[in-house]
N, C-alpha and C. Protein backbone atom coordinates (compact mmCIF):
# COMPACT_ATOMS: atom_id res chain seq x y z
N UNK A 1 50.86 241.19 151.06
CA UNK A 1 50.69 242.44 151.79
C UNK A 1 51.74 243.45 151.32
N UNK A 2 51.37 244.72 151.41
CA UNK A 2 52.36 245.77 151.17
C UNK A 2 53.42 245.67 152.27
N UNK A 3 54.70 245.82 151.92
CA UNK A 3 55.76 245.70 152.92
C UNK A 3 55.48 246.50 154.19
N UNK A 4 55.70 245.87 155.32
CA UNK A 4 55.53 246.37 156.70
C UNK A 4 54.07 246.48 157.11
N UNK A 5 53.12 246.16 156.24
CA UNK A 5 51.71 246.24 156.62
C UNK A 5 51.33 245.09 157.54
N UNK A 6 50.31 245.30 158.35
CA UNK A 6 49.73 244.21 159.13
C UNK A 6 48.22 244.23 158.92
N UNK A 7 47.61 243.06 159.02
CA UNK A 7 46.17 242.95 158.81
C UNK A 7 45.41 243.21 160.09
N UNK A 8 44.27 243.89 159.94
CA UNK A 8 43.43 244.15 161.10
C UNK A 8 41.99 244.32 160.63
N UNK A 9 41.02 243.69 161.30
CA UNK A 9 39.62 243.81 160.87
C UNK A 9 39.06 245.20 161.14
N UNK A 10 38.30 245.72 160.18
CA UNK A 10 37.73 247.07 160.35
C UNK A 10 36.66 247.09 161.43
N UNK A 11 36.21 245.92 161.83
CA UNK A 11 35.18 245.84 162.88
C UNK A 11 35.76 245.95 164.29
N UNK A 12 37.08 246.07 164.38
CA UNK A 12 37.73 246.12 165.70
C UNK A 12 38.77 247.23 165.74
N UNK A 13 38.37 248.43 165.31
CA UNK A 13 39.33 249.53 165.21
C UNK A 13 39.61 250.19 166.56
N UNK A 14 38.82 249.89 167.58
CA UNK A 14 38.98 250.59 168.86
C UNK A 14 40.33 250.34 169.51
N UNK A 15 41.00 249.23 169.17
CA UNK A 15 42.30 248.93 169.78
C UNK A 15 43.46 249.57 169.02
N UNK A 16 43.19 250.11 167.83
CA UNK A 16 44.28 250.62 167.00
C UNK A 16 44.93 251.90 167.52
N UNK A 17 44.19 252.87 168.07
CA UNK A 17 44.87 254.09 168.53
C UNK A 17 46.00 253.82 169.51
N UNK A 18 45.82 252.90 170.44
CA UNK A 18 46.90 252.60 171.38
C UNK A 18 48.08 251.94 170.68
N UNK A 19 47.80 251.07 169.73
CA UNK A 19 48.87 250.38 169.01
C UNK A 19 49.66 251.33 168.12
N UNK A 20 49.00 252.33 167.56
CA UNK A 20 49.62 253.20 166.57
C UNK A 20 49.99 254.57 167.13
N UNK A 21 49.92 254.74 168.42
CA UNK A 21 50.20 256.03 169.03
C UNK A 21 51.58 256.54 168.61
N UNK A 22 51.66 257.82 168.21
CA UNK A 22 52.91 258.48 167.82
C UNK A 22 53.52 257.89 166.54
N UNK A 23 52.72 257.18 165.74
CA UNK A 23 53.22 256.62 164.48
C UNK A 23 52.39 257.14 163.32
N UNK A 24 53.06 257.59 162.27
CA UNK A 24 52.34 257.95 161.06
C UNK A 24 51.84 256.66 160.41
N UNK A 25 50.59 256.67 159.95
CA UNK A 25 49.94 255.45 159.50
C UNK A 25 49.30 255.66 158.13
N UNK A 26 49.40 254.65 157.29
CA UNK A 26 48.71 254.63 156.00
C UNK A 26 47.75 253.45 156.01
N UNK A 27 46.48 253.74 155.77
CA UNK A 27 45.46 252.69 155.77
C UNK A 27 45.24 252.19 154.34
N UNK A 28 45.16 250.87 154.21
CA UNK A 28 45.04 250.25 152.89
C UNK A 28 43.92 249.21 152.93
N UNK A 29 43.03 249.30 151.95
CA UNK A 29 42.08 248.22 151.72
C UNK A 29 42.25 247.80 150.26
N UNK A 30 41.37 246.99 149.75
CA UNK A 30 41.56 246.48 148.40
C UNK A 30 41.56 247.59 147.35
N UNK A 31 40.61 248.54 147.45
CA UNK A 31 40.48 249.57 146.42
C UNK A 31 40.74 250.99 146.93
N UNK A 32 41.05 251.13 148.20
CA UNK A 32 41.30 252.46 148.74
C UNK A 32 40.03 253.28 148.88
N UNK A 33 38.92 252.64 149.19
CA UNK A 33 37.65 253.34 149.28
C UNK A 33 37.12 253.36 150.72
N UNK A 34 35.93 252.83 150.93
CA UNK A 34 35.24 253.07 152.20
C UNK A 34 35.96 252.55 153.43
N UNK A 35 36.56 251.34 153.37
CA UNK A 35 37.17 250.77 154.57
C UNK A 35 38.38 251.58 155.02
N UNK A 36 39.29 251.85 154.08
CA UNK A 36 40.50 252.59 154.46
C UNK A 36 40.18 254.02 154.87
N UNK A 37 39.23 254.67 154.17
CA UNK A 37 38.86 256.05 154.54
C UNK A 37 38.18 256.06 155.91
N UNK A 38 37.35 255.08 156.18
CA UNK A 38 36.68 255.04 157.47
C UNK A 38 37.64 254.83 158.62
N UNK A 39 38.59 253.88 158.45
CA UNK A 39 39.57 253.62 159.51
C UNK A 39 40.49 254.81 159.70
N UNK A 40 40.93 255.43 158.59
CA UNK A 40 41.80 256.60 158.70
C UNK A 40 41.11 257.74 159.44
N UNK A 41 39.83 257.96 159.13
CA UNK A 41 39.08 259.01 159.82
C UNK A 41 38.95 258.70 161.31
N UNK A 42 38.71 257.44 161.64
CA UNK A 42 38.61 257.04 163.05
C UNK A 42 39.93 257.30 163.77
N UNK A 43 41.03 256.95 163.13
CA UNK A 43 42.34 257.16 163.75
C UNK A 43 42.64 258.64 163.93
N UNK A 44 42.32 259.44 162.92
CA UNK A 44 42.56 260.89 163.04
C UNK A 44 41.73 261.49 164.17
N UNK A 45 40.53 260.95 164.36
CA UNK A 45 39.68 261.43 165.45
C UNK A 45 40.29 261.13 166.81
N UNK A 46 41.21 260.17 166.85
CA UNK A 46 41.89 259.82 168.10
C UNK A 46 43.34 260.29 168.11
N UNK A 47 43.64 261.29 167.28
CA UNK A 47 44.95 261.94 167.33
C UNK A 47 46.06 261.24 166.58
N UNK A 48 45.72 260.26 165.72
CA UNK A 48 46.73 259.54 164.95
C UNK A 48 46.87 260.19 163.57
N UNK A 49 48.09 260.40 163.13
CA UNK A 49 48.35 260.93 161.79
C UNK A 49 48.14 259.80 160.78
N UNK A 50 46.94 259.74 160.19
CA UNK A 50 46.57 258.63 159.31
C UNK A 50 46.15 259.14 157.94
N UNK A 51 46.66 258.47 156.90
CA UNK A 51 46.31 258.78 155.52
C UNK A 51 45.82 257.51 154.83
N UNK A 52 45.38 257.65 153.59
CA UNK A 52 44.85 256.53 152.81
C UNK A 52 45.70 256.35 151.56
N UNK A 53 46.00 255.11 151.22
CA UNK A 53 46.71 254.82 149.98
C UNK A 53 45.72 254.86 148.82
N UNK A 54 45.88 255.82 147.93
CA UNK A 54 44.96 255.97 146.81
C UNK A 54 44.98 254.72 145.93
N UNK A 55 43.83 254.17 145.68
CA UNK A 55 43.74 252.97 144.85
C UNK A 55 43.93 251.68 145.60
N UNK A 56 44.39 251.77 146.86
CA UNK A 56 44.53 250.60 147.71
C UNK A 56 45.52 249.56 147.20
N UNK A 57 45.31 248.35 147.66
CA UNK A 57 46.21 247.26 147.32
C UNK A 57 46.21 246.96 145.83
N UNK A 58 45.08 247.17 145.17
CA UNK A 58 45.02 246.91 143.74
C UNK A 58 45.91 247.87 142.96
N UNK A 59 45.95 249.14 143.36
CA UNK A 59 46.81 250.11 142.69
C UNK A 59 48.28 249.80 142.93
N UNK A 60 48.60 249.37 144.15
CA UNK A 60 49.98 248.99 144.47
C UNK A 60 50.42 247.83 143.59
N UNK A 61 49.54 246.84 143.45
CA UNK A 61 49.86 245.68 142.62
C UNK A 61 49.99 246.08 141.15
N UNK A 62 49.11 246.96 140.67
CA UNK A 62 49.16 247.40 139.28
C UNK A 62 50.44 248.15 138.96
N UNK A 63 51.01 248.81 139.97
CA UNK A 63 52.27 249.54 139.78
C UNK A 63 53.48 248.61 139.84
N UNK A 64 53.23 247.30 140.04
CA UNK A 64 54.28 246.29 140.08
C UNK A 64 55.29 246.57 141.20
N UNK A 65 54.78 247.02 142.33
CA UNK A 65 55.62 247.26 143.49
C UNK A 65 55.67 245.99 144.35
N UNK A 66 56.72 245.83 145.16
CA UNK A 66 56.87 244.59 145.94
C UNK A 66 55.72 244.34 146.90
N UNK A 67 55.31 243.09 146.99
CA UNK A 67 54.31 242.66 147.97
C UNK A 67 54.81 241.40 148.65
N UNK A 68 54.59 241.32 149.94
CA UNK A 68 55.08 240.19 150.73
C UNK A 68 53.97 239.18 150.92
N UNK A 69 54.16 237.93 150.48
CA UNK A 69 53.13 236.90 150.73
C UNK A 69 53.00 236.65 152.23
N UNK A 70 51.78 236.79 152.74
CA UNK A 70 51.59 236.63 154.19
C UNK A 70 52.09 235.29 154.68
N UNK A 71 51.92 234.23 153.89
CA UNK A 71 52.33 232.90 154.31
C UNK A 71 53.85 232.74 154.35
N UNK A 72 54.58 233.69 153.76
CA UNK A 72 56.04 233.59 153.72
C UNK A 72 56.68 234.07 155.02
N UNK A 73 55.93 234.74 155.87
CA UNK A 73 56.48 235.28 157.12
C UNK A 73 56.28 234.25 158.22
N UNK A 74 57.36 233.64 158.71
CA UNK A 74 57.21 232.54 159.67
C UNK A 74 56.83 232.95 161.09
N UNK A 75 57.15 234.17 161.47
CA UNK A 75 56.87 234.63 162.82
C UNK A 75 57.65 235.89 163.11
N UNK A 76 57.53 236.41 164.33
CA UNK A 76 58.16 237.68 164.67
C UNK A 76 59.46 237.52 165.46
N UNK A 77 59.83 236.29 165.80
CA UNK A 77 61.06 236.06 166.56
C UNK A 77 62.02 235.25 165.70
N UNK A 78 63.25 235.75 165.55
CA UNK A 78 64.28 235.10 164.75
C UNK A 78 65.51 234.88 165.62
N UNK A 79 66.27 233.85 165.29
CA UNK A 79 67.48 233.56 166.07
C UNK A 79 68.62 233.20 165.13
N UNK A 80 69.82 233.64 165.50
CA UNK A 80 71.00 233.34 164.70
C UNK A 80 72.24 233.34 165.59
N UNK A 81 73.38 233.08 164.97
CA UNK A 81 74.65 233.03 165.71
C UNK A 81 75.04 234.42 166.21
N UNK A 82 75.70 234.45 167.35
CA UNK A 82 76.12 235.74 167.89
C UNK A 82 77.32 236.30 167.12
N UNK A 83 77.73 237.49 167.47
CA UNK A 83 78.83 238.22 166.83
C UNK A 83 78.61 238.35 165.33
N UNK A 84 77.54 239.03 164.91
CA UNK A 84 77.21 239.15 163.49
C UNK A 84 78.21 240.01 162.73
N UNK A 85 78.25 239.78 161.42
CA UNK A 85 79.09 240.60 160.55
C UNK A 85 78.22 241.23 159.45
N UNK A 86 77.84 240.44 158.43
CA UNK A 86 77.16 241.03 157.27
C UNK A 86 75.74 240.50 157.14
N UNK A 87 75.58 239.24 156.74
CA UNK A 87 74.24 238.68 156.58
C UNK A 87 73.38 238.83 157.82
N UNK A 88 73.98 238.65 158.99
CA UNK A 88 73.20 238.65 160.23
C UNK A 88 72.84 240.06 160.71
N UNK A 89 73.32 241.09 160.00
CA UNK A 89 72.84 242.46 160.19
C UNK A 89 71.94 242.85 159.02
N UNK A 90 72.33 242.47 157.81
CA UNK A 90 71.55 242.81 156.62
C UNK A 90 70.16 242.19 156.66
N UNK A 91 70.06 240.94 157.08
CA UNK A 91 68.76 240.26 157.10
C UNK A 91 67.80 240.88 158.12
N UNK A 92 68.23 241.16 159.35
CA UNK A 92 67.33 241.86 160.26
C UNK A 92 66.90 243.23 159.73
N UNK A 93 67.82 243.93 159.07
CA UNK A 93 67.44 245.22 158.46
C UNK A 93 66.33 245.01 157.44
N UNK A 94 66.48 244.02 156.57
CA UNK A 94 65.47 243.76 155.55
C UNK A 94 64.12 243.44 156.17
N UNK A 95 64.13 242.61 157.21
CA UNK A 95 62.88 242.21 157.85
C UNK A 95 62.21 243.40 158.53
N UNK A 96 62.96 244.16 159.29
CA UNK A 96 62.35 245.28 160.01
C UNK A 96 61.89 246.40 159.09
N UNK A 97 62.61 246.62 158.01
CA UNK A 97 62.24 247.73 157.12
C UNK A 97 61.16 247.36 156.10
N UNK A 98 61.05 246.07 155.75
CA UNK A 98 60.14 245.71 154.66
C UNK A 98 59.13 244.62 155.01
N UNK A 99 59.29 243.96 156.13
CA UNK A 99 58.40 242.84 156.44
C UNK A 99 57.70 243.02 157.78
N UNK A 100 58.46 243.12 158.86
CA UNK A 100 57.89 243.16 160.20
C UNK A 100 58.69 244.13 161.07
N UNK A 101 58.23 245.39 161.19
CA UNK A 101 58.98 246.38 161.98
C UNK A 101 59.17 246.00 163.44
N UNK A 102 58.31 245.11 163.95
CA UNK A 102 58.38 244.74 165.36
C UNK A 102 59.15 243.44 165.60
N UNK A 103 59.81 242.92 164.58
CA UNK A 103 60.52 241.64 164.70
C UNK A 103 61.60 241.71 165.78
N UNK A 104 61.77 240.59 166.48
CA UNK A 104 62.79 240.45 167.52
C UNK A 104 63.89 239.52 167.03
N UNK A 105 65.15 239.86 167.30
CA UNK A 105 66.28 239.05 166.85
C UNK A 105 67.12 238.63 168.05
N UNK A 106 67.35 237.32 168.13
CA UNK A 106 68.13 236.74 169.22
C UNK A 106 69.48 236.31 168.67
N UNK A 107 70.54 236.75 169.31
CA UNK A 107 71.90 236.37 168.92
C UNK A 107 72.47 235.47 170.02
N UNK A 108 72.77 234.22 169.68
CA UNK A 108 73.19 233.23 170.68
C UNK A 108 74.41 232.46 170.18
N UNK A 109 75.12 231.75 171.06
CA UNK A 109 76.24 230.92 170.61
C UNK A 109 75.79 229.92 169.54
N UNK A 110 76.64 229.65 168.55
CA UNK A 110 76.24 228.77 167.44
C UNK A 110 75.67 227.43 167.88
N UNK A 111 76.25 226.82 168.90
CA UNK A 111 75.81 225.49 169.33
C UNK A 111 74.42 225.50 169.93
N UNK A 112 73.89 226.68 170.27
CA UNK A 112 72.59 226.74 170.95
C UNK A 112 71.46 227.22 170.05
N UNK A 113 71.76 227.55 168.78
CA UNK A 113 70.75 228.13 167.89
C UNK A 113 69.53 227.22 167.76
N UNK A 114 69.75 225.94 167.48
CA UNK A 114 68.63 225.02 167.26
C UNK A 114 67.77 224.88 168.51
N UNK A 115 68.40 224.74 169.67
CA UNK A 115 67.64 224.59 170.91
C UNK A 115 66.86 225.86 171.25
N UNK A 116 67.50 227.02 171.06
CA UNK A 116 66.80 228.28 171.34
C UNK A 116 65.62 228.44 170.39
N UNK A 117 65.81 228.09 169.12
CA UNK A 117 64.72 228.17 168.15
C UNK A 117 63.54 227.32 168.60
N UNK A 118 63.83 226.13 169.10
CA UNK A 118 62.77 225.23 169.54
C UNK A 118 62.08 225.73 170.80
N UNK A 119 62.86 226.17 171.77
CA UNK A 119 62.31 226.57 173.06
C UNK A 119 61.54 227.88 172.98
N UNK A 120 61.98 228.78 172.11
CA UNK A 120 61.37 230.11 172.07
C UNK A 120 60.54 230.34 170.81
N UNK A 121 60.25 229.26 170.09
CA UNK A 121 59.44 229.34 168.87
C UNK A 121 59.99 230.40 167.93
N UNK A 122 61.30 230.38 167.74
CA UNK A 122 61.98 231.35 166.90
C UNK A 122 62.42 230.70 165.58
N UNK A 123 62.58 231.50 164.56
CA UNK A 123 63.01 231.00 163.25
C UNK A 123 64.51 231.19 163.11
N UNK A 124 65.29 230.11 162.94
CA UNK A 124 66.74 230.25 162.77
C UNK A 124 67.06 230.77 161.37
N UNK A 125 68.08 231.62 161.29
CA UNK A 125 68.50 232.12 159.98
C UNK A 125 70.02 232.28 159.94
N UNK A 126 70.54 232.23 158.72
CA UNK A 126 71.98 232.28 158.46
C UNK A 126 72.72 231.20 159.25
N UNK A 127 72.12 230.03 159.26
CA UNK A 127 72.70 228.85 159.92
C UNK A 127 72.63 227.70 158.93
N UNK A 128 73.71 226.96 158.80
CA UNK A 128 73.74 225.85 157.85
C UNK A 128 72.62 224.84 158.14
N UNK A 129 72.04 224.31 157.06
CA UNK A 129 71.02 223.29 157.21
C UNK A 129 69.63 223.80 157.52
N UNK A 130 69.43 225.13 157.46
CA UNK A 130 68.10 225.70 157.71
C UNK A 130 67.55 226.32 156.43
N UNK A 131 66.26 226.56 156.43
CA UNK A 131 65.60 227.12 155.23
C UNK A 131 66.11 228.51 154.91
N UNK A 132 66.32 229.32 155.95
CA UNK A 132 66.72 230.71 155.74
C UNK A 132 68.24 230.82 155.84
N UNK A 133 68.93 230.40 154.80
CA UNK A 133 70.39 230.40 154.83
C UNK A 133 70.93 230.54 153.41
N UNK A 134 72.24 230.32 153.25
CA UNK A 134 72.87 230.37 151.92
C UNK A 134 72.30 229.27 151.04
N UNK A 135 72.13 229.59 149.74
CA UNK A 135 71.70 228.59 148.76
C UNK A 135 72.53 228.77 147.50
N UNK A 136 73.39 227.79 147.23
CA UNK A 136 74.26 227.89 146.07
C UNK A 136 75.19 229.09 146.17
N UNK A 137 75.18 229.93 145.16
CA UNK A 137 76.03 231.13 145.13
C UNK A 137 75.45 232.27 145.95
N UNK A 138 74.23 232.13 146.37
CA UNK A 138 73.53 233.22 147.06
C UNK A 138 73.68 233.14 148.57
N UNK A 139 73.62 234.31 149.20
CA UNK A 139 73.70 234.37 150.66
C UNK A 139 72.29 234.43 151.25
N UNK A 140 72.20 234.50 152.57
CA UNK A 140 70.90 234.47 153.23
C UNK A 140 70.04 235.68 152.86
N UNK A 141 70.67 236.80 152.65
CA UNK A 141 69.95 238.01 152.24
C UNK A 141 69.22 237.75 150.92
N UNK A 142 69.90 237.09 149.97
CA UNK A 142 69.27 236.73 148.70
C UNK A 142 68.07 235.81 148.92
N UNK A 143 68.25 234.83 149.81
CA UNK A 143 67.17 233.88 150.11
C UNK A 143 65.93 234.61 150.61
N UNK A 144 66.13 235.60 151.49
CA UNK A 144 64.99 236.34 152.03
C UNK A 144 64.36 237.23 150.98
N UNK A 145 65.16 237.87 150.14
CA UNK A 145 64.62 238.70 149.07
C UNK A 145 63.66 237.87 148.21
N UNK A 146 64.09 236.66 147.85
CA UNK A 146 63.28 235.79 147.00
C UNK A 146 62.02 235.32 147.73
N UNK A 147 62.17 234.86 148.97
CA UNK A 147 61.03 234.31 149.71
C UNK A 147 59.97 235.36 150.00
N UNK A 148 60.41 236.60 150.27
CA UNK A 148 59.47 237.66 150.58
C UNK A 148 58.96 238.40 149.34
N UNK A 149 59.45 238.02 148.16
CA UNK A 149 59.00 238.67 146.94
C UNK A 149 59.37 240.14 146.87
N UNK A 150 60.54 240.48 147.37
CA UNK A 150 60.92 241.89 147.49
C UNK A 150 61.86 242.36 146.38
N UNK A 151 61.86 241.70 145.25
CA UNK A 151 62.72 242.15 144.16
C UNK A 151 62.31 243.55 143.70
N UNK A 152 63.29 244.42 143.70
CA UNK A 152 63.11 245.82 143.34
C UNK A 152 64.50 246.32 142.96
N UNK A 153 64.63 247.21 141.97
CA UNK A 153 65.98 247.62 141.53
C UNK A 153 66.91 248.03 142.67
N UNK A 154 66.42 248.83 143.62
CA UNK A 154 67.29 249.28 144.71
C UNK A 154 67.68 248.12 145.62
N UNK A 155 66.70 247.28 145.97
CA UNK A 155 67.01 246.15 146.84
C UNK A 155 67.89 245.13 146.13
N UNK A 156 67.70 244.95 144.83
CA UNK A 156 68.56 244.03 144.08
C UNK A 156 70.00 244.52 144.07
N UNK A 157 70.18 245.85 143.99
CA UNK A 157 71.52 246.42 144.04
C UNK A 157 72.15 246.17 145.41
N UNK A 158 71.38 246.41 146.47
CA UNK A 158 71.89 246.15 147.82
C UNK A 158 72.23 244.67 147.97
N UNK A 159 71.39 243.80 147.43
CA UNK A 159 71.62 242.36 147.55
C UNK A 159 72.94 241.96 146.90
N UNK A 160 73.26 242.53 145.75
CA UNK A 160 74.53 242.21 145.09
C UNK A 160 75.71 242.63 145.95
N UNK A 161 75.61 243.79 146.57
CA UNK A 161 76.69 244.28 147.44
C UNK A 161 76.84 243.38 148.66
N UNK A 162 75.71 243.02 149.28
CA UNK A 162 75.74 242.14 150.45
C UNK A 162 76.34 240.79 150.08
N UNK A 163 75.91 240.24 148.96
CA UNK A 163 76.43 238.94 148.52
C UNK A 163 77.95 239.01 148.30
N UNK A 164 78.40 240.07 147.65
CA UNK A 164 79.84 240.21 147.42
C UNK A 164 80.63 240.32 148.70
N UNK A 165 80.10 241.10 149.66
CA UNK A 165 80.80 241.27 150.94
C UNK A 165 80.76 240.01 151.77
N UNK A 166 79.61 239.31 151.77
CA UNK A 166 79.43 238.16 152.64
C UNK A 166 80.15 236.91 152.14
N UNK A 167 80.33 236.80 150.83
CA UNK A 167 80.95 235.60 150.25
C UNK A 167 82.38 235.85 149.79
N UNK A 168 82.90 237.06 150.03
CA UNK A 168 84.28 237.36 149.64
C UNK A 168 84.46 237.56 148.14
N UNK A 169 83.37 237.82 147.41
CA UNK A 169 83.45 238.06 145.97
C UNK A 169 83.28 239.54 145.69
N UNK A 170 84.34 240.29 146.00
CA UNK A 170 84.25 241.73 145.92
C UNK A 170 84.18 242.25 144.49
N UNK A 171 84.42 241.38 143.52
CA UNK A 171 84.31 241.80 142.13
C UNK A 171 82.84 241.95 141.71
N UNK A 172 81.90 241.47 142.51
CA UNK A 172 80.49 241.61 142.16
C UNK A 172 80.03 243.06 142.20
N UNK A 173 80.61 243.85 143.09
CA UNK A 173 80.23 245.26 143.22
C UNK A 173 81.37 246.01 143.89
N UNK A 174 81.73 247.19 143.39
CA UNK A 174 82.84 247.94 144.01
C UNK A 174 82.57 248.33 145.46
N UNK A 175 81.31 248.34 145.86
CA UNK A 175 80.97 248.73 147.25
C UNK A 175 81.11 247.57 148.23
N UNK A 176 81.30 246.34 147.73
CA UNK A 176 81.32 245.16 148.61
C UNK A 176 82.46 245.22 149.61
N UNK A 177 83.64 245.61 149.17
CA UNK A 177 84.79 245.68 150.08
C UNK A 177 84.56 246.72 151.16
N UNK A 178 83.93 247.83 150.79
CA UNK A 178 83.64 248.87 151.78
C UNK A 178 82.63 248.39 152.81
N UNK A 179 81.62 247.62 152.38
CA UNK A 179 80.64 247.09 153.32
C UNK A 179 81.30 246.12 154.29
N UNK A 180 82.21 245.30 153.78
CA UNK A 180 82.94 244.39 154.66
C UNK A 180 83.72 245.16 155.70
N UNK A 181 84.42 246.21 155.28
CA UNK A 181 85.21 247.01 156.21
C UNK A 181 84.34 247.64 157.29
N UNK A 182 83.20 248.20 156.89
CA UNK A 182 82.29 248.80 157.86
C UNK A 182 81.72 247.75 158.81
N UNK A 183 81.42 246.57 158.29
CA UNK A 183 80.84 245.50 159.11
C UNK A 183 81.83 245.00 160.15
N UNK A 184 83.07 244.81 159.73
CA UNK A 184 84.11 244.39 160.68
C UNK A 184 84.34 245.47 161.73
N UNK A 185 84.34 246.73 161.28
CA UNK A 185 84.52 247.83 162.22
C UNK A 185 83.41 247.87 163.26
N UNK A 186 82.17 247.69 162.83
CA UNK A 186 81.05 247.68 163.78
C UNK A 186 81.19 246.55 164.79
N UNK A 187 81.61 245.38 164.31
CA UNK A 187 81.73 244.23 165.22
C UNK A 187 82.81 244.47 166.26
N UNK A 188 83.81 245.30 165.92
CA UNK A 188 84.87 245.62 166.89
C UNK A 188 84.42 246.71 167.86
N UNK A 189 83.50 247.56 167.40
CA UNK A 189 83.06 248.68 168.23
C UNK A 189 82.06 248.27 169.31
N UNK A 190 81.27 247.24 169.02
CA UNK A 190 80.17 246.87 169.91
C UNK A 190 80.35 245.45 170.44
N UNK A 191 80.34 245.31 171.75
CA UNK A 191 80.38 243.99 172.37
C UNK A 191 79.00 243.36 172.39
N UNK A 192 77.97 244.19 172.48
CA UNK A 192 76.60 243.71 172.59
C UNK A 192 75.98 243.67 171.19
N UNK A 193 75.52 242.49 170.78
CA UNK A 193 75.06 242.29 169.41
C UNK A 193 73.85 243.14 169.05
N UNK A 194 72.93 243.33 169.99
CA UNK A 194 71.75 244.14 169.70
C UNK A 194 72.13 245.60 169.46
N UNK A 195 73.10 246.10 170.21
CA UNK A 195 73.58 247.47 169.98
C UNK A 195 74.25 247.57 168.62
N UNK A 196 74.97 246.52 168.24
CA UNK A 196 75.58 246.51 166.91
C UNK A 196 74.52 246.53 165.81
N UNK A 197 73.44 245.77 166.02
CA UNK A 197 72.35 245.76 165.05
C UNK A 197 71.74 247.15 164.91
N UNK A 198 71.51 247.82 166.03
CA UNK A 198 70.92 249.16 165.99
C UNK A 198 71.80 250.11 165.18
N UNK A 199 73.11 250.03 165.37
CA UNK A 199 74.02 250.88 164.61
C UNK A 199 74.06 250.47 163.15
N UNK A 200 74.02 249.17 162.89
CA UNK A 200 74.07 248.67 161.52
C UNK A 200 72.85 249.05 160.72
N UNK A 201 71.70 249.21 161.38
CA UNK A 201 70.48 249.61 160.67
C UNK A 201 70.70 250.92 159.92
N UNK A 202 71.43 251.83 160.52
CA UNK A 202 71.67 253.14 159.89
C UNK A 202 72.53 252.97 158.64
N UNK A 203 73.53 252.09 158.72
CA UNK A 203 74.39 251.86 157.56
C UNK A 203 73.59 251.30 156.39
N UNK A 204 72.71 250.34 156.67
CA UNK A 204 71.91 249.76 155.59
C UNK A 204 70.83 250.71 155.09
N UNK A 205 70.32 251.56 155.97
CA UNK A 205 69.41 252.61 155.51
C UNK A 205 70.12 253.51 154.49
N UNK A 206 71.35 253.88 154.81
CA UNK A 206 72.11 254.76 153.92
C UNK A 206 72.45 254.05 152.61
N UNK A 207 72.83 252.77 152.70
CA UNK A 207 73.16 252.02 151.49
C UNK A 207 71.94 251.88 150.59
N UNK A 208 70.79 251.61 151.19
CA UNK A 208 69.56 251.49 150.40
C UNK A 208 69.21 252.82 149.75
N UNK A 209 69.35 253.91 150.51
CA UNK A 209 69.01 255.23 149.94
C UNK A 209 69.93 255.56 148.77
N UNK A 210 71.22 255.23 148.91
CA UNK A 210 72.14 255.43 147.79
C UNK A 210 71.70 254.60 146.59
N UNK A 211 71.35 253.34 146.83
CA UNK A 211 70.95 252.45 145.73
C UNK A 211 69.65 252.93 145.09
N UNK A 212 68.79 253.56 145.87
CA UNK A 212 67.49 253.98 145.35
C UNK A 212 67.58 255.23 144.47
N UNK A 213 68.33 256.24 144.93
CA UNK A 213 68.33 257.48 144.14
C UNK A 213 69.64 258.26 144.21
N UNK A 214 70.72 257.62 144.65
CA UNK A 214 71.97 258.37 144.76
C UNK A 214 73.13 257.84 143.93
N UNK A 215 72.87 256.84 143.09
CA UNK A 215 73.98 256.20 142.38
C UNK A 215 74.64 257.11 141.34
N UNK A 216 73.91 258.09 140.86
CA UNK A 216 74.47 258.97 139.83
C UNK A 216 75.24 260.14 140.40
N UNK A 217 75.26 260.24 141.73
CA UNK A 217 75.98 261.36 142.34
C UNK A 217 77.42 260.97 142.62
N UNK A 218 78.33 261.86 142.27
CA UNK A 218 79.75 261.63 142.53
C UNK A 218 80.29 262.76 143.39
N UNK A 219 81.52 262.61 143.82
CA UNK A 219 82.13 263.64 144.67
C UNK A 219 83.60 263.75 144.33
N UNK A 220 84.04 264.98 144.16
CA UNK A 220 85.46 265.22 143.87
C UNK A 220 85.83 266.57 144.44
N UNK A 221 87.11 266.76 144.60
CA UNK A 221 87.58 268.05 145.09
C UNK A 221 87.29 269.13 144.06
N UNK A 222 86.76 270.30 144.45
CA UNK A 222 86.42 271.32 143.46
C UNK A 222 87.62 271.71 142.59
N UNK A 223 87.35 272.00 141.33
CA UNK A 223 88.41 272.40 140.40
C UNK A 223 89.14 273.62 140.92
N UNK A 224 90.43 273.63 140.72
CA UNK A 224 91.24 274.78 141.08
C UNK A 224 91.79 274.74 142.48
N UNK A 225 91.44 273.73 143.29
CA UNK A 225 91.93 273.65 144.65
C UNK A 225 93.16 272.79 144.79
N UNK A 226 93.46 271.99 143.78
CA UNK A 226 94.63 271.14 143.83
C UNK A 226 95.72 271.71 142.93
N UNK A 227 96.94 271.71 143.42
CA UNK A 227 98.08 272.22 142.64
C UNK A 227 98.86 271.04 142.04
């Protein structure tokens, strides 16, 4: 699937206006023809800002853009240790921005992660001995990038920075030490983990935007202002 997309049968579009209310929507079918145009027109008739992806899923694939294997997404509820720093903010950002915008994240004491995962049908992450965790030199963010098939130059750049900050290998990227500093600062500012996640989303949005199209921009004091 295209990142953040969800599947829905074209024979049951009547429930979509309520689900998509106040959200800009792009409709995608295999070729970007009758199904996506029909659904988009139906949504627009009900006041939804809906457009069609030209060429559909086939054009997206031909452009070699990231696609998420549907079977790779375990569910919409995730659980991890409380008091997050780096991986446990970066991974929720990745999931919400590229996989499942409606995902829920539970932050609990370390000793309760396994039981909460079992009781609430949640997927544990960034916990030793689980599938979604560190593997070798890589951190959990790397594991998710690989599992979701999200390799892309900007995301790979972010992944290197996250890995450097999370594993203490700041030589991997000059931005790693800065990300660690910001992460520690956020953890001191917020007692409530969900509030910290909300604030951290903005930091990772900015980091991704820099990685995508801002790396060539520099900043210095204008010439002639320093004596």
